[in-house]
């Protein structure tokens, strides 16, 4: 007896048929919005590159918000003991990643990072996404507790320190 195709299998087939590329080559034509790059056990979701952007703000004991491109960092009150110049860089690469500084900054209470995956096509909605702490080469060092919102095409994770973060599954 033949098993019926599930809705997910049908959608996945359409997305795969539309075509995917590797991170090194990037999108190759109209509709080529997302690709997958495997890095060991975790895969970084690669997407249509966003324009490069950067932002900075002095954030202290009272907390604050920093937005760079479509991504937002919320540092709660009492997470930092003093004023700190926070920087964020959004590289224009075929993935959604963000680099924060100062490198290694620790929070007394977790900060909240919300990253968009709106530029990642249907792949982002078909996977259990997480935010990953990575090195500069996007090698995953740790997965961050994260919750994805497929309706808004965002994922929010809880950060304890600064480095580079990327959308992964």
Foldseek 3Di string as FASTA:
>chain_A
DDDDDDPLNVVVVVLVVLHEDEQVVAADDPPRFWHWYDQPPKIFTFGQFDDKWKWKDWAAQCWDWDDIDPKIKTGHHRQHHGTDIKMKIADRGRFGKIAIPPAWAFTPFWIKMKTACPSHPCVLVSDQKFKFAAAPVRRGDGTFDWDADVVRRMIMGTDGTGGMITIID
